[in-house]
Amino acid sequence: MKLVIITAIKEFEKDIKLQLKKAQVKTFSFREVTGYRDSTEDAVESNWFSSEMNQTESILFYAFVKKENVDLLFGLVNKFNDEQKTMSHIHVAVLNIEKTN
């Protein structure tokens, strides 16, 4: 088993649930979170509102996934991200589980 963590903007919630289903991830948890981005190093032209810390309504998913389904999930997320016309993407991380009970 692997622990998969997924973060994205709230608008991608349905897309992530669909990708989890396609990757045969039958159980997962998620919660709404507030994402922050430090934009102090952005060029003035790209930071229209000249705020230093931008906040975004985001979501955090986590699930225990069978090893054989992790690559499928990553492939689905990569395909989704490649098709996005926005700067926002779905971010996925996988962690090894040494012991479970």
N, C-alpha and C. Protein backbone atom coordinates (compact mmCIF):
# COMPACT_ATOMS: atom_id res chain seq x y z
N MET A 1 0.83 -1.19 0.00
CA MET A 1 0.00 0.00 0.00
C MET A 1 0.88 1.25 0.00
N LYS A 2 0.37 2.27 -0.63
CA LYS A 2 1.03 3.57 -0.67
C LYS A 2 0.03 4.61 -0.14
N LEU A 3 0.54 5.64 0.46
CA LEU A 3 -0.30 6.76 0.88
C LEU A 3 -0.18 7.83 -0.19
N VAL A 4 -1.30 8.18 -0.79
CA VAL A 4 -1.34 9.18 -1.84
C VAL A 4 -1.97 10.45 -1.27
N ILE A 5 -1.32 11.57 -1.52
CA ILE A 5 -1.83 12.87 -1.09
C ILE A 5 -2.03 13.72 -2.34
N ILE A 6 -3.21 14.31 -2.44
CA ILE A 6 -3.56 15.12 -3.61
C ILE A 6 -4.02 16.49 -3.12
N THR A 7 -3.47 17.54 -3.73
CA THR A 7 -3.94 18.89 -3.43
C THR A 7 -4.30 19.59 -4.74
N ALA A 8 -5.30 20.46 -4.64
CA ALA A 8 -5.75 21.20 -5.82
C ALA A 8 -6.69 22.31 -5.38
N ILE A 9 -7.06 23.14 -6.34
CA ILE A 9 -8.06 24.15 -6.05
C ILE A 9 -9.42 23.47 -5.93
N LYS A 10 -10.31 24.08 -5.19
CA LYS A 10 -11.64 23.50 -4.92
C LYS A 10 -12.39 23.15 -6.20
N GLU A 11 -12.19 23.93 -7.24
CA GLU A 11 -12.91 23.70 -8.49
C GLU A 11 -12.61 22.35 -9.12
N PHE A 12 -11.50 21.71 -8.74
CA PHE A 12 -11.12 20.41 -9.32
C PHE A 12 -11.65 19.22 -8.53
N GLU A 13 -12.48 19.45 -7.51
CA GLU A 13 -12.94 18.37 -6.66
C GLU A 13 -13.60 17.23 -7.44
N LYS A 14 -14.54 17.53 -8.30
CA LYS A 14 -15.24 16.48 -9.07
C LYS A 14 -14.27 15.74 -9.99
N ASP A 15 -13.33 16.47 -10.58
CA ASP A 15 -12.35 15.85 -11.48
C ASP A 15 -11.47 14.86 -10.71
N ILE A 16 -11.06 15.22 -9.52
CA ILE A 16 -10.22 14.34 -8.72
C ILE A 16 -10.99 13.09 -8.32
N LYS A 17 -12.23 13.26 -7.90
CA LYS A 17 -13.05 12.09 -7.53
C LYS A 17 -13.21 11.14 -8.72
N LEU A 18 -13.38 11.70 -9.91
CA LEU A 18 -13.50 10.86 -11.11
C LEU A 18 -12.19 10.12 -11.39
N GLN A 19 -11.06 10.80 -11.24
CA GLN A 19 -9.77 10.15 -11.47
C GLN A 19 -9.51 9.05 -10.44
N LEU A 20 -9.88 9.28 -9.19
CA LEU A 20 -9.73 8.25 -8.17
C LEU A 20 -10.58 7.02 -8.53
N LYS A 21 -11.78 7.26 -9.00
CA LYS A 21 -12.66 6.15 -9.39
C LYS A 21 -12.05 5.37 -10.56
N LYS A 22 -11.54 6.08 -11.56
CA LYS A 22 -10.93 5.43 -12.72
C LYS A 22 -9.70 4.62 -12.32
N ALA A 23 -9.00 5.07 -11.27
CA ALA A 23 -7.80 4.36 -10.80
C ALA A 23 -8.16 3.27 -9.78
N GLN A 24 -9.44 3.01 -9.64
CA GLN A 24 -9.96 1.96 -8.75
C GLN A 24 -9.61 2.20 -7.29
N VAL A 25 -9.58 3.47 -6.90
CA VAL A 25 -9.40 3.84 -5.50
C VAL A 25 -10.80 3.97 -4.92
N LYS A 26 -11.19 2.98 -4.12
CA LYS A 26 -12.57 2.90 -3.65
C LYS A 26 -12.82 3.68 -2.36
N THR A 27 -11.79 3.92 -1.58
CA THR A 27 -11.95 4.67 -0.33
C THR A 27 -10.89 5.76 -0.25
N PHE A 28 -11.33 6.92 0.18
CA PHE A 28 -10.42 8.05 0.35
C PHE A 28 -11.07 9.04 1.30
N SER A 29 -10.29 9.98 1.75
CA SER A 29 -10.79 11.07 2.59
C SER A 29 -10.39 12.38 1.94
N PHE A 30 -11.19 13.41 2.20
CA PHE A 30 -10.79 14.73 1.72
C PHE A 30 -11.38 15.79 2.63
N ARG A 31 -10.76 16.93 2.57
CA ARG A 31 -11.27 18.07 3.33
C ARG A 31 -10.90 19.36 2.62
N GLU A 32 -11.69 20.37 2.90
CA GLU A 32 -11.42 21.68 2.35
C GLU A 32 -10.32 22.34 3.18
N VAL A 33 -9.39 22.98 2.51
CA VAL A 33 -8.28 23.66 3.17
C VAL A 33 -8.09 25.02 2.50
N THR A 34 -7.32 25.86 3.14
CA THR A 34 -6.98 27.15 2.55
C THR A 34 -5.54 27.08 2.07
N GLY A 35 -5.35 27.29 0.79
CA GLY A 35 -4.01 27.30 0.22
C GLY A 35 -3.45 28.72 0.22
N TYR A 36 -2.16 28.82 0.46
CA TYR A 36 -1.49 30.11 0.46
C TYR A 36 -0.35 30.11 -0.54
N ARG A 37 -0.11 31.25 -1.14
CA ARG A 37 0.99 31.40 -2.08
C ARG A 37 1.67 32.73 -1.82
N ASP A 38 2.94 32.68 -1.57
CA ASP A 38 3.72 33.89 -1.35
C ASP A 38 4.11 34.46 -2.70
N SER A 39 3.59 35.62 -3.02
CA SER A 39 3.85 36.22 -4.34
C SER A 39 4.77 37.44 -4.25
N THR A 40 5.53 37.52 -3.20
CA THR A 40 6.41 38.69 -3.03
C THR A 40 7.50 38.75 -4.10
N GLU A 41 7.85 37.61 -4.68
CA GLU A 41 8.92 37.60 -5.69
C GLU A 41 8.39 37.69 -7.11
N ASP A 42 7.06 37.74 -7.28
CA ASP A 42 6.48 37.87 -8.61
C ASP A 42 6.74 39.27 -9.15
N ALA A 43 6.81 39.35 -10.45
CA ALA A 43 6.95 40.65 -11.10
C ALA A 43 5.67 41.46 -10.84
N VAL A 44 5.80 42.74 -10.74
CA VAL A 44 4.65 43.62 -10.47
C VAL A 44 3.57 43.42 -11.53
N GLU A 45 3.96 43.21 -12.79
CA GLU A 45 2.99 43.05 -13.87
C GLU A 45 2.12 41.81 -13.69
N SER A 46 2.66 40.75 -13.08
CA SER A 46 1.89 39.51 -12.93
C SER A 46 1.15 39.45 -11.60
N ASN A 47 1.38 40.39 -10.72
CA ASN A 47 0.72 40.42 -9.43
C ASN A 47 -0.21 41.64 -9.39
N TRP A 48 -1.34 41.53 -10.08
CA TRP A 48 -2.26 42.65 -10.28
C TRP A 48 -2.73 43.29 -8.99
N PHE A 49 -2.97 42.47 -7.98
CA PHE A 49 -3.57 43.01 -6.76
C PHE A 49 -2.50 43.40 -5.75
N SER A 50 -1.27 43.24 -6.08
CA SER A 50 -0.10 43.59 -5.27
C SER A 50 -0.19 43.13 -3.83
N SER A 51 -0.81 41.99 -3.63
CA SER A 51 -0.88 41.37 -2.31
C SER A 51 0.31 40.44 -2.17
N GLU A 52 0.86 40.36 -0.98
CA GLU A 52 2.03 39.50 -0.78
C GLU A 52 1.64 38.04 -0.56
N MET A 53 0.51 37.79 0.11
CA MET A 53 0.07 36.42 0.35
C MET A 53 -1.31 36.24 -0.27
N ASN A 54 -1.40 35.34 -1.23
CA ASN A 54 -2.67 35.04 -1.88
C ASN A 54 -3.25 33.78 -1.26
N GLN A 55 -4.54 33.80 -1.02
CA GLN A 55 -5.25 32.68 -0.42
C GLN A 55 -6.18 32.06 -1.46
N THR A 56 -6.31 30.73 -1.42
CA THR A 56 -7.15 30.03 -2.38
C THR A 56 -7.94 28.95 -1.66
N GLU A 57 -9.22 28.82 -2.02
CA GLU A 57 -10.01 27.70 -1.51
C GLU A 57 -9.49 26.45 -2.19
N SER A 58 -8.99 25.52 -1.39
CA SER A 58 -8.34 24.32 -1.92
C SER A 58 -8.93 23.08 -1.28
N ILE A 59 -8.49 21.93 -1.77
CA ILE A 59 -8.90 20.65 -1.19
C ILE A 59 -7.67 19.76 -1.03
N LEU A 60 -7.77 18.88 -0.08
CA LEU A 60 -6.71 17.93 0.22
C LEU A 60 -7.34 16.54 0.29
N PHE A 61 -6.88 15.65 -0.57
CA PHE A 61 -7.34 14.27 -0.56
C PHE A 61 -6.22 13.39 -0.04
N TYR A 62 -6.56 12.32 0.66
CA TYR A 62 -5.57 11.31 1.01
C TYR A 62 -6.23 9.95 0.98
N ALA A 63 -5.45 8.98 0.53
CA ALA A 63 -5.98 7.62 0.36
C ALA A 63 -4.86 6.61 0.42
N PHE A 64 -5.18 5.43 0.92
CA PHE A 64 -4.27 4.30 0.85
C PHE A 64 -4.58 3.60 -0.47
N VAL A 65 -3.57 3.49 -1.31
CA VAL A 65 -3.77 2.98 -2.67
C VAL A 65 -2.86 1.78 -2.90
N LYS A 66 -3.41 0.78 -3.58
CA LYS A 66 -2.60 -0.39 -3.93
C LYS A 66 -1.46 0.05 -4.85
N LYS A 67 -0.30 -0.57 -4.66
CA LYS A 67 0.88 -0.20 -5.46
C LYS A 67 0.58 -0.20 -6.95
N GLU A 68 -0.15 -1.20 -7.41
CA GLU A 68 -0.41 -1.33 -8.84
C GLU A 68 -1.35 -0.25 -9.38
N ASN A 69 -2.04 0.49 -8.53
CA ASN A 69 -2.96 1.52 -8.99
C ASN A 69 -2.34 2.92 -8.95
N VAL A 70 -1.19 3.07 -8.30
CA VAL A 70 -0.56 4.38 -8.16
C VAL A 70 -0.16 4.94 -9.52
N ASP A 71 0.49 4.15 -10.36
CA ASP A 71 0.93 4.65 -11.67
C ASP A 71 -0.25 5.06 -12.54
N LEU A 72 -1.35 4.30 -12.45
CA LEU A 72 -2.55 4.65 -13.21
C LEU A 72 -3.09 6.00 -12.76
N LEU A 73 -3.14 6.22 -11.45
CA LEU A 73 -3.61 7.50 -10.92
C LEU A 73 -2.70 8.65 -11.37
N PHE A 74 -1.39 8.46 -11.29
CA PHE A 74 -0.46 9.49 -11.74
C PHE A 74 -0.65 9.79 -13.22
N GLY A 75 -0.86 8.77 -14.02
CA GLY A 75 -1.09 8.97 -15.45
C GLY A 75 -2.35 9.79 -15.71
N LEU A 76 -3.41 9.50 -14.98
CA LEU A 76 -4.66 10.25 -15.14
C LEU A 76 -4.49 11.71 -14.73
N VAL A 77 -3.78 11.94 -13.64
CA VAL A 77 -3.55 13.31 -13.17
C VAL A 77 -2.66 14.05 -14.16
N ASN A 78 -1.61 13.42 -14.65
CA ASN A 78 -0.73 14.07 -15.64
C ASN A 78 -1.50 14.46 -16.90
N LYS A 79 -2.37 13.57 -17.36
CA LYS A 79 -3.18 13.86 -18.55
C LYS A 79 -4.09 15.06 -18.28
N PHE A 80 -4.74 15.07 -17.12
CA PHE A 80 -5.60 16.19 -16.75
C PHE A 80 -4.82 17.50 -16.73
N ASN A 81 -3.66 17.48 -16.09
CA ASN A 81 -2.83 18.70 -15.99
C ASN A 81 -2.37 19.18 -17.36
N ASP A 82 -2.01 18.24 -18.24
CA ASP A 82 -1.55 18.61 -19.58
C ASP A 82 -2.65 19.31 -20.38
N GLU A 83 -3.91 18.98 -20.09
CA GLU A 83 -5.03 19.54 -20.84
C GLU A 83 -5.53 20.86 -20.25
N GLN A 84 -5.00 21.28 -19.11
CA GLN A 84 -5.46 22.51 -18.46
C GLN A 84 -4.97 23.74 -19.19
N LYS A 85 -5.86 24.70 -19.32
CA LYS A 85 -5.50 25.97 -19.91
C LYS A 85 -5.21 27.00 -18.82
N THR A 86 -5.47 26.62 -17.57
CA THR A 86 -5.20 27.50 -16.44
C THR A 86 -3.82 27.18 -15.87
N MET A 87 -3.32 28.06 -15.02
CA MET A 87 -2.03 27.83 -14.39
C MET A 87 -2.13 26.82 -13.25
N SER A 88 -3.35 26.60 -12.76
CA SER A 88 -3.53 25.70 -11.62
C SER A 88 -3.52 24.25 -12.08
N HIS A 89 -2.94 23.39 -11.26
CA HIS A 89 -2.86 21.97 -11.56
C HIS A 89 -3.24 21.15 -10.33
N ILE A 90 -3.41 19.86 -10.56
CA ILE A 90 -3.58 18.92 -9.46
C ILE A 90 -2.18 18.44 -9.09
N HIS A 91 -1.89 18.42 -7.80
CA HIS A 91 -0.58 17.99 -7.31
C HIS A 91 -0.75 16.67 -6.55
N VAL A 92 0.10 15.70 -6.87
CA VAL A 92 0.02 14.38 -6.25
C VAL A 92 1.37 14.01 -5.68
N ALA A 93 1.33 13.42 -4.48
CA ALA A 93 2.54 12.89 -3.86
C ALA A 93 2.22 11.50 -3.35
N VAL A 94 3.22 10.63 -3.37
CA VAL A 94 3.02 9.27 -2.87
C VAL A 94 4.09 8.98 -1.82
N LEU A 95 3.67 8.33 -0.75
CA LEU A 95 4.56 7.98 0.34
C LEU A 95 4.50 6.47 0.57
N ASN A 96 5.65 5.89 0.86
CA ASN A 96 5.68 4.47 1.20
C ASN A 96 5.12 4.27 2.60
N ILE A 97 4.38 3.19 2.78
CA ILE A 97 3.86 2.83 4.09
C ILE A 97 4.68 1.64 4.59
N GLU A 98 5.36 1.83 5.70
CA GLU A 98 6.19 0.75 6.23
C GLU A 98 5.37 -0.26 7.01
N LYS A 99 4.36 0.21 7.74
CA LYS A 99 3.52 -0.67 8.54
C LYS A 99 2.10 -0.13 8.58
N THR A 100 1.13 -1.02 8.55
CA THR A 100 -0.26 -0.62 8.76
C THR A 100 -0.90 -1.65 9.67
N ASN A 101 -1.98 -1.25 10.24
CA ASN A 101 -2.71 -2.16 11.11
C ASN A 101 -4.17 -2.07 10.82
